[in-house]
Amino acid sequence: MKSSRFSLGTYLVATTRLAFGCLAVLVFASSALGQVKEGAERVEDIPSIEAKTGSMERIEGFVPLYWDAVKGRLWMELSRFDTEILHYASLPAGIGSNDLGLDRGQLGPQAIVEFRRVGPRILMVQPNYEYRALSDNAAERRAVRDAFAESVLWGFEVAAETEARVLVDATDFVLRDAHGVARRLKGAEQGSYALATSRSALYVPRTRGFPKNTEIEVTLTFTSEDPEGGWVRSVAPRADAVTVRQHFSFVELPEPGFEAREALPGAGYFGPNFVDYAAPLGEPLLTRLIARHRLEKRDPDAAVSQPVEPIVYYLDPGTPEPVRSALIEGAEWWDQAFEAAGYQGAFRVEILPEDADPMDLRYNMIQWVHRSTRGWSYGSTVSDPRTGEILKGHVSLGSLRVRQDYLIAEALLAPYREGDEVSTEVEAMALARIRQLSAHEVGHTLGLAHNYIASAQGRASVMDYPHPSVWLDGDGAPDVTDAYATGIGAWDKVAIEYGYQDFPPGVDEKGALAAILSEARAE
C-alpha cells in the first residue's frame, strides 16, 4: 500500500506538471499566433501607392512625385534601386549681394547617388569616385571600394508600396538648407541664421517632371534674432528674415559612348582627377581627365562634318538690349573654334524658351545676374565625375560689369564737352568688353581654364583677363576703337581641337593629341 500511495502521488505530481506544461505551451502558442497576426496586420497596413496617393496630384517624370496640397507634403516614388543617377542642388533665387556670394542661378553640391533598400528604409548613397580601380577584375575594384568611405546623404522610410515601387515622404529632404545658406551668412559675419520651417514651403510652379529629369523647388526662409553686419540689411526687406529659393534636380546619367580624354600638360583644361589603384607599377596613381561636352561628327572620317548633336546655349530672356545682342555675339565666337576643328554648326546660342527653367539640366545657360554692387562673373558646370562629360554649362554674368566698363570709357574719352552729347564710342567700348566677357565665361563651361599669358601673345585667347588696349591718335586723344579683341583667339582654336576633335577610327588618339600641343608650341 505504501508503494501504491507513492506511485499515486508521483502520478498526481506528474499530471499536474503536465497540465501546467500544456497550459504554458498553449499560452506560448497563443502569444506566438498573436504576434504572427499582429505582424501580418502591420504588413497589411502598408498601403499600395495608388491607395496612399489617391487624393494627391501626381507629377510624372524621371522620379514621379505626388503633391499633397491639403497637408503640404511632397512624396517621391522610387523604383531605380542600386542604379546611379545624378543629383544636385542650386539657388534659383538669391540674396543679391556679391559680398555674400549667394546669387541667383548659383550651382550647389552635385553628386552621383543611388537608392538602396534595406527593409523598410531607403538610403540615398553617394559612392566615392575619388578612389578607383580601372580594372576588369571585380575583386580588385571591390578592394578599393571597400577601402574608402562612401556617404549616406539621406534616409527615407517606405510609406506605401506597389510591386517594385515604393513611396517615401520627401518633404523634410527638400525643406532643408542643402545649399548652406546659414553657414555662408555666418561665415560672412552677418549673424546666426536658422531655417524657419513654418515660413518655408514647396514652390509648386517650378516643381516639374520630365522623362529624364525631375526638378523640385522650394521657398526657404532664414531667421535671426541678432542679425549682424550690413550686407543682408542692404539687400533684404528685413535683416531678421531672409527668403531664397532652392532647387533640387534628379537626372538620368548620360548614355554610354562618351570617351573620357586624358588631360596632357598644357592642354588648358580643368576636369576630374582621381586615384587609380590599378595603374601599372611605374605609372602615376593620379589620373587627370578633361571636362568637355559630348560632341561627335556625323561622319568621323570627314575633315569637316556636321555634329550628331550641336552644343546649344540659351541666353537669359531677362537680358536687355543692346547687351542681349552683345552677349549672343560674344558667346557665338566659339563656333569659329569648332569650325577650325572640323565641325559645321556645332555651337549656337538661342534665347531661353519662355516655359523653360534655367536650373533644368537640359539647358546650357547664360544668366544675367543682378547684385547691389558689382561682382564676379562665373562659368560653372554640372559634370559626370566618372568621365568628365559636361552635362550642363551654366554662366552667371554680373549685370553691373557693363556699366563699370561704360564709366571707364567715359573717363578715357571725356566726351561731354558740351555737356549733353550722346557718345557712341563709350557704349561701343563697353559692349566690346561684354562680348569678350561672354566668350570668356562660356569658355569655362566648355572645359577651358584661364590663359593669363594670352594678352601678351597677340590676344591668343579670350580666357585671359584683358586690359583695354588704348592708343593715342595724331592729336593726342585716346583711341579705343580696338580696346578689346573681336573673335576667338589662336590658342582657343588649339584648345578646342584638343578637347573636341573627333578622330577617325584607327587613329592613335593619344599621339594625335600630343601632336596638336606640340605644333602649337612650335608656333
Protein backbone atom coordinates (compact mmCIF):
# COMPACT_ATOMS: atom_id res chain seq x y z
CA MET A 1 0.00 0.00 0.00
CA LYS A 2 2.85 2.36 0.80
CA SER A 3 4.29 1.69 -2.58
CA SER A 4 0.88 2.34 -4.17
CA ARG A 5 0.46 5.65 -2.29
CA PHE A 6 3.91 6.75 -3.53
CA SER A 7 3.06 5.79 -7.06
CA LEU A 8 -0.24 7.63 -6.87
CA GLY A 9 1.47 10.78 -5.51
CA THR A 10 4.06 10.62 -8.18
CA TYR A 11 1.33 10.27 -10.77
CA LEU A 12 -0.55 13.28 -9.37
CA VAL A 13 2.58 15.44 -9.37
CA ALA A 14 3.46 14.40 -12.91
CA THR A 15 -0.08 15.03 -14.12
CA THR A 16 -0.13 18.46 -12.53
CA ARG A 17 3.21 19.36 -14.10
CA LEU A 18 1.99 18.11 -17.46
CA ALA A 19 -1.14 20.20 -17.15
CA PHE A 20 0.82 23.33 -16.35
CA GLY A 21 3.23 22.50 -19.16
CA CYS A 22 0.39 22.12 -21.64
CA LEU A 23 -1.08 25.38 -20.37
CA ALA A 24 2.27 27.10 -20.88
CA VAL A 25 2.52 25.67 -24.38
CA LEU A 26 -0.99 26.88 -25.12
CA VAL A 27 -0.20 30.33 -23.74
CA PHE A 28 3.05 30.49 -25.75
CA ALA A 29 1.29 29.26 -28.88
CA SER A 30 -1.48 31.74 -28.38
CA SER A 31 1.07 34.55 -27.91
CA ALA A 32 3.03 33.48 -30.96
CA LEU A 33 -0.10 33.32 -33.06
CA GLY A 34 -0.99 36.78 -31.82
CA GLN A 35 2.43 38.10 -32.83
CA VAL A 36 2.12 36.49 -36.25
CA LYS A 37 -1.32 38.01 -36.64
CA GLU A 38 -0.04 41.40 -35.44
CA GLY A 39 2.89 41.21 -37.88
CA ALA A 40 0.53 40.30 -40.69
CA GLU A 41 -1.62 43.25 -39.81
CA ARG A 42 1.47 45.52 -39.88
CA VAL A 43 2.35 44.26 -43.36
CA GLU A 44 -1.22 44.72 -44.49
CA ASP A 45 -1.19 48.23 -43.01
CA ILE A 46 1.35 49.37 -45.66
CA PRO A 47 -0.98 50.59 -48.38
CA SER A 48 -0.45 50.49 -52.11
CA ILE A 49 0.89 53.63 -53.75
CA GLU A 50 -2.42 54.06 -55.54
CA ALA A 51 -4.37 53.93 -52.27
CA LYS A 52 -1.97 56.25 -50.46
CA THR A 53 -1.90 58.90 -53.19
CA GLY A 54 -5.49 58.74 -54.39
CA SER A 55 -6.25 62.33 -53.44
CA MET A 56 -2.84 63.77 -54.38
CA GLU A 57 -1.62 65.45 -57.57
CA ARG A 58 0.75 63.17 -59.49
CA ILE A 59 3.69 64.80 -61.28
CA GLU A 60 5.01 62.42 -63.93
CA GLY A 61 8.72 62.27 -64.63
CA PHE A 62 12.04 60.54 -64.19
CA VAL A 63 11.30 60.32 -60.45
CA PRO A 64 7.49 60.57 -60.13
CA LEU A 65 6.23 62.99 -57.48
CA TYR A 66 2.99 63.38 -55.57
CA TRP A 67 1.89 66.70 -54.12
CA ASP A 68 -0.45 66.61 -51.12
CA ALA A 69 -1.81 70.15 -51.19
CA VAL A 70 -4.00 69.57 -48.13
CA LYS A 71 -1.10 68.60 -45.85
CA GLY A 72 1.60 70.49 -47.75
CA ARG A 73 3.78 67.41 -48.22
CA LEU A 74 5.76 66.12 -51.19
CA TRP A 75 6.14 62.39 -51.89
CA MET A 76 8.58 60.61 -54.20
CA GLU A 77 8.05 57.31 -55.96
CA LEU A 78 11.28 55.30 -56.14
CA SER A 79 11.92 52.26 -58.32
CA ARG A 80 15.51 52.59 -59.59
CA PHE A 81 17.32 50.84 -56.76
CA ASP A 82 21.09 50.27 -56.89
CA THR A 83 21.20 52.42 -60.03
CA GLU A 84 23.37 55.51 -60.24
CA ILE A 85 21.73 58.84 -61.06
CA LEU A 86 22.89 62.45 -60.87
CA HIS A 87 21.62 64.73 -58.10
CA TYR A 88 22.46 68.37 -57.46
CA ALA A 89 21.14 71.45 -55.71
CA SER A 90 21.08 75.06 -56.92
CA LEU A 91 19.86 78.51 -55.95
CA PRO A 92 17.36 79.92 -58.49
CA ALA A 93 16.56 83.00 -56.36
CA GLY A 94 19.40 84.50 -54.32
CA ILE A 95 20.06 87.35 -51.90
CA GLY A 96 21.60 89.93 -54.26
CA SER A 97 24.90 90.77 -52.60
CA ASN A 98 28.24 89.95 -54.21
CA ASP A 99 29.89 90.01 -50.78
CA LEU A 100 27.58 87.26 -49.53
CA GLY A 101 28.08 85.15 -52.66
CA LEU A 102 24.55 83.75 -52.74
CA ASP A 103 23.49 84.71 -56.25
CA ARG A 104 20.58 83.86 -58.43
CA GLY A 105 21.47 80.87 -60.56
CA GLN A 106 24.27 79.60 -58.34
CA LEU A 107 25.02 75.88 -58.66
CA GLY A 108 25.48 73.95 -55.42
CA PRO A 109 26.57 70.45 -54.41
CA GLN A 110 26.34 67.80 -57.12
CA ALA A 111 26.94 64.08 -56.88
CA ILE A 112 26.21 60.69 -58.32
CA VAL A 113 23.85 58.89 -55.94
CA GLU A 114 21.96 55.62 -55.77
CA PHE A 115 18.97 54.50 -53.72
CA ARG A 116 19.48 51.30 -51.72
CA ARG A 117 16.66 49.49 -49.96
CA VAL A 118 17.25 47.86 -46.58
CA GLY A 119 13.94 46.50 -45.26
CA PRO A 120 11.59 49.44 -44.69
CA ARG A 121 14.38 52.02 -45.14
CA ILE A 122 15.73 53.61 -48.31
CA LEU A 123 19.27 55.01 -48.15
CA MET A 124 20.45 57.63 -50.63
CA VAL A 125 24.15 56.85 -51.01
CA GLN A 126 26.93 58.77 -52.73
CA PRO A 127 29.66 56.38 -53.96
CA ASN A 128 33.27 57.51 -53.68
CA TYR A 129 34.70 58.29 -57.11
CA GLU A 130 37.87 59.90 -55.75
CA TYR A 131 39.49 56.45 -55.48
CA ARG A 132 39.02 53.77 -58.11
CA ALA A 133 40.50 50.73 -59.78
CA LEU A 134 40.16 50.86 -63.55
CA SER A 135 40.31 47.09 -63.87
CA ASP A 136 38.27 44.22 -65.31
CA ASN A 137 38.85 42.37 -62.04
CA ALA A 138 35.73 42.78 -59.89
CA ALA A 139 37.60 41.80 -56.73
CA GLU A 140 40.23 44.47 -57.42
CA ARG A 141 37.52 47.10 -57.86
CA ARG A 142 35.77 45.94 -54.69
CA ALA A 143 39.01 46.13 -52.70
CA VAL A 144 39.31 49.84 -53.48
CA ARG A 145 35.60 50.49 -52.96
CA ASP A 146 35.70 48.90 -49.50
CA ALA A 147 38.89 50.72 -48.53
CA PHE A 148 37.41 54.23 -48.71
CA ALA A 149 34.26 55.66 -47.18
CA GLU A 150 31.11 56.44 -49.09
CA SER A 151 28.47 58.90 -47.85
CA VAL A 152 24.82 58.24 -46.98
CA LEU A 153 23.17 61.57 -47.77
CA TRP A 154 19.65 60.80 -46.56
CA GLY A 155 17.38 58.06 -45.22
CA PHE A 156 13.72 57.58 -46.19
CA GLU A 157 11.00 55.31 -44.74
CA VAL A 158 8.72 53.29 -47.00
CA ALA A 159 5.16 54.61 -46.59
CA ALA A 160 3.50 52.71 -49.43
CA GLU A 161 4.46 50.02 -51.91
CA THR A 162 3.23 48.59 -55.19
CA GLU A 163 5.26 45.73 -56.64
CA ALA A 164 8.82 47.05 -57.06
CA ARG A 165 7.87 50.68 -56.48
CA VAL A 166 7.87 52.42 -53.11
CA LEU A 167 6.61 55.77 -51.87
CA VAL A 168 8.65 57.94 -49.49
CA ASP A 169 8.00 61.30 -47.88
CA ALA A 170 10.46 63.80 -49.40
CA THR A 171 9.22 66.90 -47.56
CA ASP A 172 11.97 67.06 -44.95
CA PHE A 173 14.56 66.18 -47.59
CA VAL A 174 13.79 69.26 -49.70
CA LEU A 175 12.83 71.68 -46.91
CA ARG A 176 16.39 71.92 -45.59
CA ASP A 177 19.44 74.09 -46.07
CA ALA A 178 21.21 71.88 -48.63
CA HIS A 179 22.90 74.91 -50.19
CA GLY A 180 24.47 76.04 -46.91
CA VAL A 181 22.87 79.50 -46.79
CA ALA A 182 23.00 79.80 -43.00
CA ARG A 183 26.63 78.69 -42.96
CA ARG A 184 27.52 81.25 -45.63
CA LEU A 185 25.79 84.07 -43.74
CA LYS A 186 27.57 83.14 -40.52
CA GLY A 187 30.92 82.93 -42.30
CA ALA A 188 30.32 86.41 -43.70
CA GLU A 189 29.76 87.65 -40.13
CA GLN A 190 26.13 88.54 -40.75
CA GLY A 191 24.85 86.72 -37.67
CA SER A 192 23.46 83.30 -36.78
CA TYR A 193 20.58 82.30 -39.04
CA ALA A 194 18.39 79.20 -38.84
CA LEU A 195 15.85 77.73 -41.23
CA ALA A 196 12.29 78.62 -40.23
CA THR A 197 10.25 75.65 -41.44
CA SER A 198 6.96 77.39 -40.67
CA ARG A 199 7.94 80.05 -43.24
CA SER A 200 9.16 77.56 -45.86
CA ALA A 201 7.20 75.53 -48.41
CA LEU A 202 7.27 73.80 -51.78
CA TYR A 203 7.48 76.18 -54.74
CA VAL A 204 4.90 74.46 -56.91
CA PRO A 205 5.37 76.43 -60.18
CA ARG A 206 8.92 75.13 -60.59
CA THR A 207 8.34 71.57 -59.37
CA ARG A 208 8.08 69.50 -62.53
CA GLY A 209 8.88 66.17 -64.08
CA PHE A 210 10.35 65.18 -67.44
CA PRO A 211 11.30 61.79 -68.95
CA LYS A 212 14.99 62.08 -68.00
CA ASN A 213 14.94 64.55 -65.11
CA THR A 214 12.83 65.65 -62.15
CA GLU A 215 13.01 69.21 -60.82
CA ILE A 216 11.90 70.26 -57.31
CA GLU A 217 11.93 73.82 -56.00
CA VAL A 218 11.25 75.16 -52.51
CA THR A 219 10.96 78.51 -50.78
CA LEU A 220 13.21 78.72 -47.70
CA THR A 221 13.20 81.43 -45.04
CA PHE A 222 16.13 82.00 -42.69
CA THR A 223 15.63 83.98 -39.49
CA SER A 224 17.96 85.52 -36.94
CA GLU A 225 17.31 87.12 -33.56
CA ASP A 226 20.58 89.04 -33.75
CA PRO A 227 21.42 89.91 -37.39
CA GLU A 228 24.84 91.48 -37.64
CA GLY A 229 26.69 93.31 -40.38
CA GLY A 230 25.18 95.43 -43.11
CA TRP A 231 25.25 93.25 -46.22
CA VAL A 232 21.99 91.42 -45.55
CA ARG A 233 20.33 94.62 -44.38
CA SER A 234 21.36 96.38 -47.61
CA VAL A 235 19.54 93.90 -49.90
CA ALA A 236 16.71 92.28 -47.88
CA PRO A 237 13.48 93.98 -46.76
CA ARG A 238 14.29 92.79 -43.23
CA ALA A 239 17.63 91.56 -41.93
CA ASP A 240 15.94 89.16 -39.47
CA ALA A 241 14.06 87.25 -42.21
CA VAL A 242 15.80 86.31 -45.47
CA THR A 243 13.91 84.26 -48.06
CA VAL A 244 15.51 82.48 -51.02
CA ARG A 245 14.55 79.60 -53.29
CA GLN A 246 16.42 76.31 -53.57
CA HIS A 247 16.21 73.81 -56.40
CA PHE A 248 16.84 70.04 -56.48
CA SER A 249 17.47 68.04 -59.65
CA PHE A 250 17.39 64.26 -60.13
CA VAL A 251 18.77 63.39 -63.57
CA GLU A 252 19.34 60.25 -65.57
CA LEU A 253 23.05 59.82 -66.26
CA PRO A 254 24.09 60.03 -69.92
CA GLU A 255 24.04 57.04 -72.21
CA PRO A 256 27.27 55.05 -72.71
CA GLY A 257 29.53 56.04 -75.57
CA PHE A 258 31.32 59.08 -74.20
CA GLU A 259 35.08 58.61 -74.34
CA ALA A 260 37.00 60.18 -71.45
CA ARG A 261 40.02 62.16 -72.62
CA GLU A 262 43.30 62.48 -70.76
CA ALA A 263 44.49 65.93 -69.69
CA LEU A 264 48.02 66.24 -71.04
CA PRO A 265 50.15 69.04 -69.53
CA GLY A 266 49.50 72.31 -71.32
CA ALA A 267 46.12 71.29 -72.75
CA GLY A 268 44.45 74.12 -70.85
CA TYR A 269 41.50 72.19 -69.42
CA PHE A 270 40.13 71.52 -65.98
CA GLY A 271 38.40 68.24 -65.18
CA PRO A 272 38.06 65.39 -62.69
CA ASN A 273 41.10 63.90 -61.02
CA PHE A 274 41.09 60.56 -59.23
CA VAL A 275 43.46 57.95 -57.87
CA ASP A 276 43.60 54.71 -59.87
CA TYR A 277 44.99 51.85 -57.78
CA ALA A 278 45.01 49.60 -60.83
CA ALA A 279 47.64 51.74 -62.57
CA PRO A 280 50.70 49.73 -63.63
CA LEU A 281 53.79 49.94 -61.47
CA GLY A 282 55.88 52.88 -62.53
CA GLU A 283 52.83 54.83 -63.73
CA PRO A 284 51.28 57.69 -61.71
CA LEU A 285 48.36 56.76 -59.49
CA LEU A 286 46.70 60.11 -60.19
CA THR A 287 44.60 60.17 -63.35
CA ARG A 288 43.62 63.53 -64.85
CA LEU A 289 40.76 63.86 -67.33
CA ILE A 290 39.48 66.92 -69.16
CA ALA A 291 35.96 68.25 -68.80
CA ARG A 292 34.13 68.58 -72.13
CA HIS A 293 30.71 68.32 -73.71
CA ARG A 294 29.79 65.28 -75.76
CA LEU A 295 30.29 66.23 -79.41
CA GLU A 296 30.59 63.79 -82.29
CA LYS A 297 30.86 64.20 -86.04
CA ARG A 298 28.16 62.64 -88.14
CA ASP A 299 30.99 61.46 -90.39
CA PRO A 300 34.14 60.95 -88.28
CA ASP A 301 36.13 60.14 -91.44
CA ALA A 302 35.39 63.56 -92.93
CA ALA A 303 37.71 66.50 -92.36
CA VAL A 304 34.61 68.69 -91.96
CA SER A 305 31.28 67.35 -90.74
CA GLN A 306 28.09 68.44 -89.06
CA PRO A 307 27.71 67.21 -85.46
CA VAL A 308 25.40 64.44 -84.36
CA GLU A 309 24.00 66.91 -81.81
CA PRO A 310 25.15 70.55 -81.62
CA ILE A 311 26.04 72.30 -78.37
CA VAL A 312 23.29 74.86 -77.73
CA TYR A 313 23.47 77.62 -75.10
CA TYR A 314 20.47 79.65 -74.01
CA LEU A 315 20.56 83.31 -73.03
CA ASP A 316 18.53 84.67 -70.14
CA PRO A 317 15.47 86.39 -71.73
CA GLY A 318 15.65 89.00 -68.97
CA THR A 319 18.77 90.48 -70.59
CA PRO A 320 18.02 93.90 -72.13
CA GLU A 321 19.26 95.30 -75.42
CA PRO A 322 21.86 96.22 -76.54
CA VAL A 323 23.54 93.91 -74.03
CA ARG A 324 21.47 90.94 -75.22
CA SER A 325 22.86 91.06 -78.77
CA ALA A 326 26.39 91.63 -77.49
CA LEU A 327 26.26 88.57 -75.23
CA ILE A 328 24.94 86.36 -78.02
CA GLU A 329 27.60 87.60 -80.44
CA GLY A 330 30.44 87.07 -77.96
CA ALA A 331 29.32 83.57 -76.99
CA GLU A 332 28.92 82.58 -80.64
CA TRP A 333 32.59 83.33 -81.26
CA TRP A 334 33.22 79.79 -80.08
CA ASP A 335 31.71 78.44 -83.28
CA GLN A 336 34.84 79.77 -85.02
CA ALA A 337 36.94 77.40 -82.88
CA PHE A 338 34.68 74.43 -83.60
CA GLU A 339 34.80 75.22 -87.32
CA ALA A 340 38.59 75.16 -87.11
CA ALA A 341 38.31 71.70 -85.53
CA GLY A 342 36.25 70.43 -88.45
CA TYR A 343 32.65 70.98 -87.36
CA GLN A 344 29.84 72.75 -89.16
CA GLY A 345 27.18 74.36 -86.96
CA ALA A 346 28.43 72.70 -83.77
CA PHE A 347 27.83 75.64 -81.44
CA ARG A 348 25.00 78.14 -81.30
CA VAL A 349 23.19 80.46 -78.88
CA GLU A 350 19.44 80.98 -78.56
CA ILE A 351 17.05 82.82 -76.25
CA LEU A 352 15.71 80.56 -73.48
CA PRO A 353 12.12 79.48 -74.22
CA GLU A 354 9.52 81.18 -72.05
CA ASP A 355 8.37 78.00 -70.30
CA ALA A 356 11.90 76.64 -69.66
CA ASP A 357 13.56 76.54 -66.24
CA PRO A 358 17.12 77.95 -66.15
CA MET A 359 18.07 75.38 -63.48
CA ASP A 360 16.93 72.47 -65.66
CA LEU A 361 19.91 70.34 -66.66
CA ARG A 362 18.75 70.23 -70.28
CA TYR A 363 19.62 73.89 -70.84
CA ASN A 364 23.15 75.27 -71.06
CA MET A 365 22.55 78.74 -69.61
CA ILE A 366 23.94 82.27 -69.83
CA GLN A 367 22.23 84.11 -66.97
CA TRP A 368 22.13 87.88 -66.46
CA VAL A 369 22.52 88.26 -62.69
CA HIS A 370 21.80 91.44 -60.73
CA ARG A 371 23.53 92.39 -57.48
CA SER A 372 23.58 95.50 -55.33
CA THR A 373 27.28 96.00 -56.09
CA ARG A 374 29.48 94.93 -59.00
CA GLY A 375 30.84 91.44 -58.59
CA TRP A 376 32.37 88.47 -60.32
CA SER A 377 31.04 86.59 -63.29
CA TYR A 378 31.29 82.80 -63.33
CA GLY A 379 31.38 79.88 -65.72
CA SER A 380 30.26 76.73 -63.90
CA THR A 381 29.31 73.22 -64.98
CA VAL A 382 27.40 70.14 -63.93
CA SER A 383 29.56 67.19 -64.96
CA ASP A 384 29.70 63.42 -64.75
CA PRO A 385 32.55 62.81 -62.27
CA ARG A 386 33.18 59.37 -63.73
CA THR A 387 34.23 60.64 -67.17
CA GLY A 388 34.41 64.44 -67.16
CA GLU A 389 31.44 64.76 -69.53
CA ILE A 390 29.87 68.21 -69.11
CA LEU A 391 26.11 67.84 -68.86
CA LYS A 392 25.24 71.50 -68.30
CA GLY A 393 27.16 74.70 -68.85
CA HIS A 394 25.97 77.48 -66.55
CA VAL A 395 27.26 81.04 -66.95
CA SER A 396 26.41 83.82 -64.47
CA LEU A 397 27.24 87.31 -65.75
CA GLY A 398 27.06 90.23 -63.33
CA SER A 399 24.88 92.95 -64.84
CA LEU A 400 26.86 95.84 -63.35
CA ARG A 401 30.07 94.93 -65.20
CA VAL A 402 28.98 96.64 -68.42
CA ARG A 403 28.12 99.81 -66.50
CA GLN A 404 31.58 99.80 -64.92
CA ASP A 405 33.11 99.49 -68.39
CA TYR A 406 30.92 102.36 -69.54
CA LEU A 407 32.38 104.52 -66.76
CA ILE A 408 35.93 103.54 -67.78
CA ALA A 409 35.18 104.55 -71.36
CA GLU A 410 33.76 107.89 -70.18
CA ALA A 411 36.90 108.57 -68.15
CA LEU A 412 39.15 107.78 -71.12
CA LEU A 413 37.21 109.69 -73.76
CA ALA A 414 35.74 112.62 -71.76
CA PRO A 415 33.07 113.01 -74.46
CA TYR A 416 30.85 115.58 -72.77
CA ARG A 417 32.49 118.82 -73.89
CA GLU A 418 29.11 120.45 -74.47
CA GLY A 419 27.55 118.63 -71.53
CA ASP A 420 24.76 116.72 -73.28
CA GLU A 421 26.34 114.69 -76.09
CA VAL A 422 25.45 111.05 -76.70
CA SER A 423 28.71 109.19 -77.26
CA THR A 424 28.51 106.10 -79.43
CA GLU A 425 32.18 105.38 -78.71
CA VAL A 426 31.55 104.98 -74.98
CA GLU A 427 28.79 102.46 -75.49
CA ALA A 428 30.78 100.63 -78.18
CA MET A 429 33.74 100.12 -75.84
CA ALA A 430 31.51 98.85 -73.01
CA LEU A 431 29.76 96.40 -75.34
CA ALA A 432 33.10 95.22 -76.74
CA ARG A 433 34.17 94.25 -73.22
CA ILE A 434 30.89 92.44 -72.51
CA ARG A 435 31.28 90.41 -75.72
CA GLN A 436 34.71 89.29 -74.55
CA LEU A 437 33.34 88.51 -71.08
CA SER A 438 30.57 86.38 -72.56
CA ALA A 439 33.08 84.39 -74.60
CA HIS A 440 35.40 84.07 -71.58
CA GLU A 441 32.81 82.61 -69.21
CA VAL A 442 31.30 80.33 -71.84
CA GLY A 443 34.84 79.06 -72.42
CA HIS A 444 34.98 77.90 -68.82
CA THR A 445 31.77 75.95 -69.35
CA LEU A 446 33.35 74.26 -72.37
CA GLY A 447 36.06 72.97 -70.02
CA LEU A 448 38.77 75.59 -70.50
CA ALA A 449 40.92 77.05 -67.74
CA HIS A 450 42.40 80.56 -67.72
CA ASN A 451 45.20 81.59 -70.06
CA TYR A 452 46.87 84.57 -68.40
CA ILE A 453 49.68 84.98 -70.96
CA ALA A 454 47.33 85.46 -73.91
CA SER A 455 47.20 89.27 -73.87
CA ALA A 456 50.99 89.35 -74.26
CA GLN A 457 50.80 86.85 -77.13
CA GLY A 458 48.73 88.77 -79.65
CA ARG A 459 45.42 88.23 -77.84
CA ALA A 460 45.79 84.49 -78.32
CA SER A 461 42.87 83.59 -76.05
CA VAL A 462 39.66 85.02 -74.66
CA MET A 463 40.46 83.07 -71.50
CA ASP A 464 42.71 85.90 -70.25
CA TYR A 465 41.57 88.87 -68.15
CA PRO A 466 42.26 91.56 -70.76
CA HIS A 467 43.05 95.19 -70.10
CA PRO A 468 41.71 97.65 -72.70
CA SER A 469 44.15 98.48 -75.46
CA VAL A 470 44.15 102.29 -75.74
CA TRP A 471 46.18 104.28 -78.28
CA LEU A 472 46.72 107.99 -78.84
CA ASP A 473 45.74 109.42 -82.20
CA GLY A 474 47.60 112.19 -84.09
CA ASP A 475 46.05 114.84 -81.84
CA GLY A 476 46.99 113.00 -78.65
CA ALA A 477 43.42 111.92 -77.93
CA PRO A 478 42.66 108.37 -76.70
CA ASP A 479 41.55 105.92 -79.39
CA VAL A 480 39.54 102.94 -78.07
CA THR A 481 38.27 101.52 -81.35
CA ASP A 482 40.42 98.42 -80.76
CA ALA A 483 40.10 98.31 -76.98
CA TYR A 484 39.19 94.61 -76.88
CA ALA A 485 39.60 91.64 -79.17
CA THR A 486 36.96 90.67 -81.68
CA GLY A 487 36.54 86.94 -82.20
CA ILE A 488 38.19 83.89 -80.77
CA GLY A 489 41.97 83.62 -80.31
CA ALA A 490 44.53 81.33 -81.93
CA TRP A 491 45.08 79.39 -78.72
CA ASP A 492 41.33 78.92 -78.25
CA LYS A 493 41.22 77.07 -81.56
CA VAL A 494 44.07 74.81 -80.45
CA ALA A 495 42.34 74.08 -77.14
CA ILE A 496 39.01 73.23 -78.78
CA GLU A 497 40.74 70.96 -81.27
CA TYR A 498 42.43 69.15 -78.38
CA GLY A 499 39.23 68.74 -76.41
CA TYR A 500 36.66 68.14 -79.12
CA GLN A 501 38.36 66.72 -82.21
CA ASP A 502 36.56 63.52 -83.24
CA PHE A 503 39.32 61.29 -84.58
CA PRO A 504 38.59 58.69 -87.29
CA PRO A 505 38.72 55.01 -86.29
CA GLY A 506 42.23 53.59 -86.14
CA VAL A 507 43.92 56.86 -85.22
CA ASP A 508 46.31 56.84 -82.24
CA GLU A 509 44.34 59.38 -80.22
CA LYS A 510 46.97 59.98 -77.56
CA GLY A 511 49.65 60.57 -80.20
CA ALA A 512 47.37 62.84 -82.20
CA LEU A 513 46.53 64.92 -79.12
CA ALA A 514 50.20 65.27 -78.23
CA ALA A 515 50.90 66.40 -81.80
CA ILE A 516 48.25 69.16 -81.53
CA LEU A 517 50.02 70.61 -78.50
CA SER A 518 53.49 70.14 -79.98
CA GLU A 519 52.57 72.00 -83.17
CA ALA A 520 51.02 74.82 -81.13
CA ARG A 521 54.20 75.20 -79.07
CA ALA A 522 56.25 75.33 -82.24
CA GLU A 523 54.19 78.32 -83.36
